[in-house]
Amino acid sequence: MKPVTVQICVGTHCTMMGAMNLYEALQSMQEEGLEITIDLVRCFGDCKANEAPVVVVNDKKIVSATSEKVMEYIMEVGKV
């Protein structure tokens, strides 16, 4: 798998909408040996209704992010 960089917004709104659950799910993927760099960032400025939490995988922004959406995209871009 290619290395993947994930940025998770941990601003107030994103945190309230599940950003830390995403963080925990991604940490478990790291523990399984996948090359994922996780950065927690303060805010992407996308605090609009129904867009939180916001995650950026490499250069793609994912709004209303769920663990499933993020992990699916990671597996897609991480293919060798």
Protein backbone atom coordinates (compact mmCIF):
# COMPACT_ATOMS: atom_id res chain seq x y z
CA MET A 1 0.00 0.00 0.00
CA LYS A 2 1.20 3.50 -0.83
CA PRO A 3 1.60 5.92 2.09
CA VAL A 4 -1.48 8.05 2.69
CA THR A 5 -1.78 11.31 4.61
CA VAL A 6 -5.03 12.03 6.41
CA GLN A 7 -5.92 15.35 8.00
CA ILE A 8 -8.89 15.40 10.38
CA CYS A 9 -10.51 18.64 11.46
CA VAL A 10 -10.87 18.72 15.23
CA GLY A 11 -12.57 22.08 15.44
CA THR A 12 -15.56 22.23 17.77
CA HIS A 13 -18.24 21.43 15.18
CA CYS A 14 -16.33 18.56 13.54
CA THR A 15 -15.45 17.08 16.93
CA MET A 16 -19.10 17.19 17.97
CA MET A 17 -20.03 15.46 14.70
CA GLY A 18 -17.66 12.50 15.15
CA ALA A 19 -14.14 13.53 14.18
CA MET A 20 -12.61 11.69 17.14
CA ASN A 21 -14.41 8.47 16.15
CA LEU A 22 -12.76 8.80 12.74
CA TYR A 23 -9.41 9.35 14.41
CA GLU A 24 -9.78 6.18 16.48
CA ALA A 25 -10.81 4.15 13.41
CA LEU A 26 -7.77 5.39 11.48
CA GLN A 27 -5.47 4.63 14.40
CA SER A 28 -6.67 1.02 14.29
CA MET A 29 -5.75 0.91 10.59
CA GLN A 30 -2.26 2.16 11.51
CA GLU A 31 -1.97 -0.60 14.08
CA GLU A 32 -2.73 -3.12 11.35
CA GLY A 33 0.40 -1.92 9.56
CA LEU A 34 -1.04 0.42 6.93
CA GLU A 35 1.12 3.45 6.13
CA ILE A 36 -1.23 6.21 7.22
CA THR A 37 -0.04 9.52 8.60
CA ILE A 38 -2.76 11.18 10.64
CA ASP A 39 -2.69 14.91 11.35
CA LEU A 40 -5.24 16.64 13.54
CA VAL A 41 -5.89 20.15 12.26
CA ARG A 42 -7.77 23.00 13.85
CA CYS A 43 -10.20 23.90 11.08
CA PHE A 44 -10.61 23.83 7.30
CA GLY A 45 -13.26 26.57 7.41
CA ASP A 46 -16.04 24.25 6.23
CA CYS A 47 -18.23 24.48 9.30
CA LYS A 48 -21.40 24.67 7.26
CA ALA A 49 -24.44 22.67 8.30
CA ASN A 50 -24.19 19.00 7.36
CA GLU A 51 -20.57 19.16 6.15
CA ALA A 52 -18.88 18.13 9.39
CA PRO A 53 -16.73 16.28 10.05
CA VAL A 54 -14.28 17.27 7.34
CA VAL A 55 -11.32 15.05 6.44
CA VAL A 56 -8.64 15.50 3.77
CA VAL A 57 -7.06 12.33 2.38
CA ASN A 58 -3.93 13.29 0.45
CA ASP A 59 -5.48 16.23 -1.47
CA LYS A 60 -9.15 15.17 -1.57
CA LYS A 61 -11.54 16.83 0.86
CA ILE A 62 -14.28 14.58 2.20
CA VAL A 63 -17.21 16.34 3.85
CA SER A 64 -19.76 14.63 6.08
CA ALA A 65 -17.02 12.07 6.54
CA THR A 66 -17.77 8.65 7.94
CA SER A 67 -15.31 5.92 8.80
CA GLU A 68 -16.59 3.92 5.85
CA LYS A 69 -16.17 6.78 3.34
CA VAL A 70 -12.69 7.63 4.55
CA MET A 71 -11.43 4.05 4.74
CA GLU A 72 -12.85 3.27 1.30
CA TYR A 73 -11.03 6.24 -0.20
CA ILE A 74 -7.79 5.36 1.62
CA MET A 75 -7.88 1.85 0.20
CA GLU A 76 -8.56 3.26 -3.28
CA VAL A 77 -5.69 5.76 -3.31
CA GLY A 78 -3.34 3.50 -1.42
CA LYS A 79 -3.37 0.74 -4.01
CA VAL A 80 0.05 -0.02 -5.39
